[in-house]
Amino acid sequence: MTDHRLVIVGFPYDKKDESRIEDEVLWQAPRSAIDTVERRDFKSGNDLRIVFTDGSWCRLRSLSRRSLTWPLIEPREYIPLESLTPPQRAAVEAFAAARHPDVEPPLVTRNACGCYRVLVMDQLTVDADFGTTEWEMTMDADGAEVEPVAYHPEDFAD
């Protein structure tokens, strides 16, 4: 997913060499051609349907449906790190630093319940079987990490 297009990439799996990455572009479409994205629970429960502006559609299955649909379904307003409170910013920076020194800058959004979702992606390390690595956490308004047992329904939205 980029700012301009959705690219579906195949990662051929080589059991003898899992670090081997020879990705192949299978299909792509400009983001402006996407009208809606719907989560669907067909056979696997990880399906989605993309409806295009011309009325055509496709059905996709993803190992991580949330990762694929998250930037497409709802308009996201990313919160700049500078606008977070000092405790929130410290929590986000510590979370990112603990994952990998060279990760992309964290993406922070606010859930409907008032908690914040923090997403950190390592696009430098790609696994042929699983793609890029990402970590996420949910924090409250005070910058404290919210344990999964205390999540609100909005924190689980996929």
C-alpha atoms as a PDB file:
ATOM      1  CA  MET A   1       0.000   0.000   0.000  1.00  0.00           C
ATOM      2  CA  THR A   2       1.360   3.376  -0.946  1.00  0.00           C
ATOM      3  CA  ASP A   3      -0.129   6.854  -1.090  1.00  0.00           C
ATOM      4  CA  HIS A   4      -0.904   6.291  -4.765  1.00  0.00           C
ATOM      5  CA  ARG A   5      -1.577   2.611  -5.352  1.00  0.00           C
ATOM      6  CA  LEU A   6      -2.475  -0.787  -3.999  1.00  0.00           C
ATOM      7  CA  VAL A   7       0.010  -3.432  -5.104  1.00  0.00           C
ATOM      8  CA  ILE A   8      -0.602  -7.145  -4.634  1.00  0.00           C
ATOM      9  CA  VAL A   9       2.743  -8.910  -4.401  1.00  0.00           C
ATOM     10  CA  GLY A  10       3.524 -12.613  -4.349  1.00  0.00           C
ATOM     11  CA  PHE A  11       6.406 -13.893  -2.250  1.00  0.00           C
ATOM     12  CA  PRO A  12       7.369 -17.333  -3.560  1.00  0.00           C
ATOM     13  CA  TYR A  13       8.249 -19.505  -0.579  1.00  0.00           C
ATOM     14  CA  ASP A  14      11.558 -21.372  -0.623  1.00  0.00           C
ATOM     15  CA  LYS A  15      11.720 -23.745   2.340  1.00  0.00           C
ATOM     16  CA  LYS A  16      15.497 -24.130   1.926  1.00  0.00           C
ATOM     17  CA  ASP A  17      16.112 -20.380   2.005  1.00  0.00           C
ATOM     18  CA  GLU A  18      13.453 -18.422   3.896  1.00  0.00           C
ATOM     19  CA  SER A  19      15.469 -15.214   3.626  1.00  0.00           C
ATOM     20  CA  ARG A  20      15.300 -15.343  -0.179  1.00  0.00           C
ATOM     21  CA  ILE A  21      12.967 -12.668  -1.426  1.00  0.00           C
ATOM     22  CA  GLU A  22      11.990 -12.537  -5.054  1.00  0.00           C
ATOM     23  CA  ASP A  23       8.703 -10.729  -4.884  1.00  0.00           C
ATOM     24  CA  GLU A  24       6.582 -10.504  -7.973  1.00  0.00           C
ATOM     25  CA  VAL A  25       3.941  -7.874  -8.676  1.00  0.00           C
ATOM     26  CA  LEU A  26       0.774  -9.856  -9.325  1.00  0.00           C
ATOM     27  CA  TRP A  27      -1.634  -6.962  -9.719  1.00  0.00           C
ATOM     28  CA  GLN A  28      -1.970  -3.264  -8.952  1.00  0.00           C
ATOM     29  CA  ALA A  29      -4.541  -0.479  -8.997  1.00  0.00           C
ATOM     30  CA  PRO A  30      -4.385   3.235  -8.246  1.00  0.00           C
ATOM     31  CA  ARG A  31      -5.917   4.151  -4.888  1.00  0.00           C
ATOM     32  CA  SER A  32      -8.170   6.610  -6.679  1.00  0.00           C
ATOM     33  CA  ALA A  33      -9.825   3.608  -8.401  1.00  0.00           C
ATOM     34  CA  ILE A  34     -10.890   2.101  -5.052  1.00  0.00           C
ATOM     35  CA  ASP A  35     -14.426   3.011  -4.003  1.00  0.00           C
ATOM     36  CA  THR A  36     -14.929   0.861  -0.885  1.00  0.00           C
ATOM     37  CA  VAL A  37     -13.272  -1.950   1.016  1.00  0.00           C
ATOM     38  CA  GLU A  38     -15.430  -4.384   2.958  1.00  0.00           C
ATOM     39  CA  ARG A  39     -14.315  -6.953   5.520  1.00  0.00           C
ATOM     40  CA  ARG A  40     -15.884 -10.287   4.652  1.00  0.00           C
ATOM     41  CA  ASP A  41     -15.800 -13.582   6.466  1.00  0.00           C
ATOM     42  CA  PHE A  42     -16.019 -16.031   3.606  1.00  0.00           C
ATOM     43  CA  LYS A  43     -14.283 -19.381   3.990  1.00  0.00           C
ATOM     44  CA  SER A  44     -11.198 -18.351   5.965  1.00  0.00           C
ATOM     45  CA  GLY A  45     -12.569 -15.378   7.877  1.00  0.00           C
ATOM     46  CA  ASN A  46      -9.709 -13.180   6.645  1.00  0.00           C
ATOM     47  CA  ASP A  47     -11.298 -12.073   3.403  1.00  0.00           C
ATOM     48  CA  LEU A  48     -12.058  -8.660   2.026  1.00  0.00           C
ATOM     49  CA  ARG A  49     -13.842  -7.301  -0.979  1.00  0.00           C
ATOM     50  CA  ILE A  50     -12.550  -4.286  -2.857  1.00  0.00           C
ATOM     51  CA  VAL A  51     -15.158  -2.444  -4.911  1.00  0.00           C
ATOM     52  CA  PHE A  52     -13.773  -0.164  -7.599  1.00  0.00           C
ATOM     53  CA  THR A  53     -15.191   3.110  -8.884  1.00  0.00           C
ATOM     54  CA  ASP A  54     -16.287   1.407 -12.136  1.00  0.00           C
ATOM     55  CA  GLY A  55     -18.448  -1.061 -10.159  1.00  0.00           C
ATOM     56  CA  SER A  56     -16.148  -4.051 -10.570  1.00  0.00           C
ATOM     57  CA  TRP A  57     -14.809  -5.821  -7.510  1.00  0.00           C
ATOM     58  CA  CYS A  58     -12.344  -8.433  -6.361  1.00  0.00           C
ATOM     59  CA  ARG A  59     -12.124 -10.701  -3.356  1.00  0.00           C
ATOM     60  CA  LEU A  60      -8.830 -11.059  -1.533  1.00  0.00           C
ATOM     61  CA  ARG A  61      -7.633 -13.111   1.390  1.00  0.00           C
ATOM     62  CA  SER A  62      -4.846 -11.905   3.625  1.00  0.00           C
ATOM     63  CA  LEU A  63      -2.933 -13.509   6.470  1.00  0.00           C
ATOM     64  CA  SER A  64      -3.335 -10.194   8.249  1.00  0.00           C
ATOM     65  CA  ARG A  65      -6.583  -8.625   7.106  1.00  0.00           C
ATOM     66  CA  ARG A  66      -6.270  -5.840   9.663  1.00  0.00           C
ATOM     67  CA  SER A  67      -2.918  -4.741   8.239  1.00  0.00           C
ATOM     68  CA  LEU A  68      -4.365  -4.538   4.752  1.00  0.00           C
ATOM     69  CA  THR A  69      -7.732  -2.966   5.535  1.00  0.00           C
ATOM     70  CA  TRP A  70      -6.641  -0.562   8.254  1.00  0.00           C
ATOM     71  CA  PRO A  71      -5.419   2.198   5.911  1.00  0.00           C
ATOM     72  CA  LEU A  72      -8.210   1.614   3.373  1.00  0.00           C
ATOM     73  CA  ILE A  73     -11.483   1.380   5.272  1.00  0.00           C
ATOM     74  CA  GLU A  74     -11.617   4.421   7.484  1.00  0.00           C
ATOM     75  CA  PRO A  75     -10.091   7.794   6.808  1.00  0.00           C
ATOM     76  CA  ARG A  76      -7.157   7.978   9.156  1.00  0.00           C
ATOM     77  CA  GLU A  77      -5.850  11.108  10.712  1.00  0.00           C
ATOM     78  CA  TYR A  78      -2.332  10.382  11.806  1.00  0.00           C
ATOM     79  CA  ILE A  79      -1.291  12.256  14.902  1.00  0.00           C
ATOM     80  CA  PRO A  80       2.132  13.909  14.629  1.00  0.00           C
ATOM     81  CA  LEU A  81       4.462  12.962  17.471  1.00  0.00           C
ATOM     82  CA  GLU A  82       4.956  16.662  18.227  1.00  0.00           C
ATOM     83  CA  SER A  83       1.278  17.053  19.123  1.00  0.00           C
ATOM     84  CA  LEU A  84       1.298  14.264  21.733  1.00  0.00           C
ATOM     85  CA  THR A  85       1.721  15.069  25.409  1.00  0.00           C
ATOM     86  CA  PRO A  86       5.248  14.498  26.771  1.00  0.00           C
ATOM     87  CA  PRO A  87       4.255  11.203  28.499  1.00  0.00           C
ATOM     88  CA  GLN A  88       2.493   9.962  25.340  1.00  0.00           C
ATOM     89  CA  ARG A  89       5.420  10.878  23.128  1.00  0.00           C
ATOM     90  CA  ALA A  90       7.897   9.224  25.511  1.00  0.00           C
ATOM     91  CA  ALA A  91       5.794   6.035  25.489  1.00  0.00           C
ATOM     92  CA  VAL A  92       5.618   5.976  21.685  1.00  0.00           C
ATOM     93  CA  GLU A  93       9.346   6.633  21.263  1.00  0.00           C
ATOM     94  CA  ALA A  94      10.255   3.981  23.851  1.00  0.00           C
ATOM     95  CA  PHE A  95       7.961   1.445  22.170  1.00  0.00           C
ATOM     96  CA  ALA A  96       9.537   2.091  18.756  1.00  0.00           C
ATOM     97  CA  ALA A  97      13.113   2.059  20.091  1.00  0.00           C
ATOM     98  CA  ALA A  98      12.544  -1.276  21.850  1.00  0.00           C
ATOM     99  CA  ARG A  99      11.507  -2.932  18.578  1.00  0.00           C
ATOM    100  CA  HIS A 100      14.329  -2.111  16.183  1.00  0.00           C
ATOM    101  CA  PRO A 101      16.678   0.848  15.824  1.00  0.00           C
ATOM    102  CA  ASP A 102      15.896   1.433  12.138  1.00  0.00           C
ATOM    103  CA  VAL A 103      12.104   1.186  12.022  1.00  0.00           C
ATOM    104  CA  GLU A 104       9.924   3.641  10.167  1.00  0.00           C
ATOM    105  CA  PRO A 105       8.567   6.526  12.271  1.00  0.00           C
ATOM    106  CA  PRO A 106       5.614   5.316  14.371  1.00  0.00           C
ATOM    107  CA  LEU A 107       2.077   5.878  13.086  1.00  0.00           C
ATOM    108  CA  VAL A 108      -0.291   7.076  15.800  1.00  0.00           C
ATOM    109  CA  THR A 109      -4.069   7.274  15.469  1.00  0.00           C
ATOM    110  CA  ARG A 110      -6.819   7.887  17.990  1.00  0.00           C
ATOM    111  CA  ASN A 111      -9.476   5.221  18.447  1.00  0.00           C
ATOM    112  CA  ALA A 112     -13.115   6.208  18.979  1.00  0.00           C
ATOM    113  CA  CYS A 113     -12.839   5.223  22.668  1.00  0.00           C
ATOM    114  CA  GLY A 114     -10.050   7.762  23.281  1.00  0.00           C
ATOM    115  CA  CYS A 115      -7.155   5.300  23.331  1.00  0.00           C
ATOM    116  CA  TYR A 116      -4.312   5.622  20.860  1.00  0.00           C
ATOM    117  CA  ARG A 117      -3.100   2.969  18.442  1.00  0.00           C
ATOM    118  CA  VAL A 118       0.637   2.982  17.809  1.00  0.00           C
ATOM    119  CA  LEU A 119       1.960   1.078  14.803  1.00  0.00           C
ATOM    120  CA  VAL A 120       5.661   0.528  14.148  1.00  0.00           C
ATOM    121  CA  MET A 121       6.818  -1.079  10.896  1.00  0.00           C
ATOM    122  CA  ASP A 122      10.210  -2.490  10.007  1.00  0.00           C
ATOM    123  CA  GLN A 123      10.311  -2.262   6.231  1.00  0.00           C
ATOM    124  CA  LEU A 124      14.024  -3.044   6.052  1.00  0.00           C
ATOM    125  CA  THR A 125      13.603  -6.641   7.195  1.00  0.00           C
ATOM    126  CA  VAL A 126      11.364  -8.609   4.853  1.00  0.00           C
ATOM    127  CA  ASP A 127      10.600 -12.298   5.234  1.00  0.00           C
ATOM    128  CA  ALA A 128       9.754 -14.217   2.069  1.00  0.00           C
ATOM    129  CA  ASP A 129       6.869 -15.942   3.828  1.00  0.00           C
ATOM    130  CA  PHE A 130       5.430 -13.149   5.973  1.00  0.00           C
ATOM    131  CA  GLY A 131       6.491  -9.857   4.358  1.00  0.00           C
ATOM    132  CA  THR A 132       7.370  -6.918   6.592  1.00  0.00           C
ATOM    133  CA  THR A 133       7.282  -6.974  10.365  1.00  0.00           C
ATOM    134  CA  GLU A 134       5.049  -4.689  12.373  1.00  0.00           C
ATOM    135  CA  TRP A 135       4.340  -4.169  16.047  1.00  0.00           C
ATOM    136  CA  GLU A 136       1.463  -2.336  17.620  1.00  0.00           C
ATOM    137  CA  MET A 137       0.304  -1.221  20.999  1.00  0.00           C
ATOM    138  CA  THR A 138      -2.676   0.571  22.429  1.00  0.00           C
ATOM    139  CA  MET A 139      -2.048   3.332  24.949  1.00  0.00           C
ATOM    140  CA  ASP A 140      -4.396   5.425  27.033  1.00  0.00           C
ATOM    141  CA  ALA A 141      -4.572   9.220  27.212  1.00  0.00           C
ATOM    142  CA  ASP A 142      -1.868   9.237  29.908  1.00  0.00           C
ATOM    143  CA  GLY A 143       0.614   7.361  27.698  1.00  0.00           C
ATOM    144  CA  ALA A 144       0.322   4.057  29.569  1.00  0.00           C
ATOM    145  CA  GLU A 145       0.145   0.871  27.531  1.00  0.00           C
ATOM    146  CA  VAL A 146      -3.288  -0.721  27.730  1.00  0.00           C
ATOM    147  CA  GLU A 147      -3.163  -4.442  28.408  1.00  0.00           C
ATOM    148  CA  PRO A 148      -5.325  -6.569  26.066  1.00  0.00           C
ATOM    149  CA  VAL A 149      -7.678  -7.507  28.921  1.00  0.00           C
ATOM    150  CA  ALA A 150      -8.595  -3.807  29.252  1.00  0.00           C
ATOM    151  CA  TYR A 151      -9.155  -3.132  25.533  1.00  0.00           C
ATOM    152  CA  HIS A 152     -12.362  -1.473  24.400  1.00  0.00           C
ATOM    153  CA  PRO A 153     -14.246  -3.031  21.449  1.00  0.00           C
ATOM    154  CA  GLU A 154     -12.890  -0.228  19.224  1.00  0.00           C
ATOM    155  CA  ASP A 155      -9.341  -1.294  20.051  1.00  0.00           C
ATOM    156  CA  PHE A 156      -9.964  -4.674  18.404  1.00  0.00           C
ATOM    157  CA  ALA A 157     -11.414  -3.306  15.163  1.00  0.00           C
ATOM    158  CA  ASP A 158      -9.899  -4.994  12.186  1.00  0.00           C
END
